[in-house]
Amino acid sequence: MPNGKVTESESAEELLESNSEGQSLTARQKEILSLVAQGLTNREIGEKLDISVRTVEVHRFNLMRRLRVRNVAQLLRQAIALRIIPQGPTTPPTKT
């Protein structure tokens, strides 16, 4: 990966192992990722976790940087490949 781009041949496990911090995702990052996968907005995630929207944005930015992706579709694809979130349909978020 000399040009900094992820190739199709690079496995998800290699990608996570070779990230800049050399660690797996934190529990909070996995929680944010799961909520993103459920279709919640940054505001809804913030309200659900009692954190600011800016904090959610920072978590999402860090997730995308760590997994070396550029958009939410790629983020979710990598999360599925790494088995961080389950593959298949998710239940829509419920309004409370």
Protein backbone atom coordinates (compact mmCIF):
# COMPACT_ATOMS: atom_id res chain seq x y z
CA MET A 1 0.00 0.00 0.00
CA PRO A 2 2.68 2.50 -1.00
CA ASN A 3 0.31 5.23 -2.17
CA GLY A 4 -1.76 5.17 1.03
CA LYS A 5 -4.79 3.66 -0.67
CA VAL A 6 -6.34 0.36 0.32
CA THR A 7 -6.31 -2.20 -2.45
CA GLU A 8 -8.93 -4.86 -2.96
CA SER A 9 -6.33 -7.54 -2.24
CA GLU A 10 -5.51 -6.19 1.22
CA SER A 11 -7.56 -8.15 3.72
CA ALA A 12 -9.59 -6.41 6.39
CA GLU A 13 -7.55 -8.10 9.11
CA GLU A 14 -4.28 -6.86 7.58
CA LEU A 15 -5.78 -3.39 7.33
CA LEU A 16 -6.70 -3.28 11.00
CA GLU A 17 -3.38 -4.77 12.11
CA SER A 18 -1.43 -2.25 10.05
CA ASN A 19 -3.31 0.83 11.21
CA SER A 20 -1.31 3.77 12.49
CA GLU A 21 -2.03 2.99 16.13
CA GLY A 22 -1.59 -0.78 15.86
CA GLN A 23 -4.64 -1.52 18.02
CA SER A 24 -8.15 -2.81 17.54
CA LEU A 25 -11.13 -0.52 17.88
CA THR A 26 -12.18 0.70 21.30
CA ALA A 27 -15.50 -0.31 22.82
CA ARG A 28 -16.81 3.24 22.23
CA GLN A 29 -15.73 3.17 18.58
CA LYS A 30 -17.52 -0.15 18.10
CA GLU A 31 -20.60 1.29 19.79
CA ILE A 32 -20.56 4.36 17.50
CA LEU A 33 -20.03 2.13 14.47
CA SER A 34 -22.96 -0.05 15.44
CA LEU A 35 -25.22 2.98 15.77
CA VAL A 36 -24.04 4.35 12.42
CA ALA A 37 -24.88 0.97 10.89
CA GLN A 38 -28.38 1.27 12.35
CA GLY A 39 -28.82 4.51 10.42
CA LEU A 40 -28.72 6.95 13.31
CA THR A 41 -27.56 10.50 12.64
CA ASN A 42 -24.70 12.09 14.58
CA ARG A 43 -27.27 14.02 16.59
CA GLU A 44 -29.27 10.87 17.42
CA ILE A 45 -26.10 9.02 18.41
CA GLY A 46 -25.07 11.91 20.63
CA GLU A 47 -28.45 11.98 22.34
CA LYS A 48 -28.47 8.21 22.82
CA LEU A 49 -24.96 8.15 24.33
CA ASP A 50 -25.28 11.50 26.13
CA ILE A 51 -22.31 13.00 24.27
CA SER A 52 -22.03 16.04 22.02
CA VAL A 53 -22.51 15.89 18.26
CA ARG A 54 -18.91 17.08 17.90
CA THR A 55 -17.70 14.10 19.95
CA VAL A 56 -19.64 11.75 17.68
CA GLU A 57 -18.08 13.44 14.65
CA VAL A 58 -14.60 12.97 16.11
CA HIS A 59 -15.27 9.29 16.79
CA ARG A 60 -16.51 8.80 13.22
CA PHE A 61 -13.50 10.65 11.82
CA ASN A 62 -11.13 8.50 13.88
CA LEU A 63 -12.92 5.33 12.79
CA MET A 64 -12.63 6.31 9.15
CA ARG A 65 -8.96 7.19 9.54
CA ARG A 66 -8.17 4.00 11.44
CA LEU A 67 -9.93 1.82 8.87
CA ARG A 68 -8.56 3.94 6.00
CA VAL A 69 -11.88 4.67 4.36
CA ARG A 70 -13.32 7.85 2.86
CA ASN A 71 -17.06 7.52 3.32
CA VAL A 72 -19.72 5.81 5.40
CA ALA A 73 -20.38 3.10 2.80
CA GLN A 74 -16.72 2.04 2.92
CA LEU A 75 -16.74 2.31 6.71
CA LEU A 76 -19.66 -0.08 6.98
CA ARG A 77 -18.13 -2.44 4.42
CA GLN A 78 -14.91 -2.68 6.46
CA ALA A 79 -16.87 -3.10 9.69
CA ILE A 80 -18.73 -6.05 8.17
CA ALA A 81 -15.50 -7.54 6.82
CA LEU A 82 -13.91 -7.24 10.26
CA ARG A 83 -17.03 -8.74 11.85
CA ILE A 84 -17.46 -5.66 14.02
CA ILE A 85 -21.06 -5.40 12.91
CA PRO A 86 -23.22 -8.26 11.62
CA GLN A 87 -23.87 -8.69 7.93
CA GLY A 88 -27.45 -8.47 6.80
CA PRO A 89 -30.42 -6.24 7.41
CA THR A 90 -30.51 -4.19 10.57
CA THR A 91 -33.58 -3.12 12.41
CA PRO A 92 -34.45 0.55 11.90
CA PRO A 93 -33.90 2.86 14.85
CA THR A 94 -36.90 3.45 17.07
CA LYS A 95 -37.95 6.95 17.98
CA THR A 96 -38.42 7.52 21.68
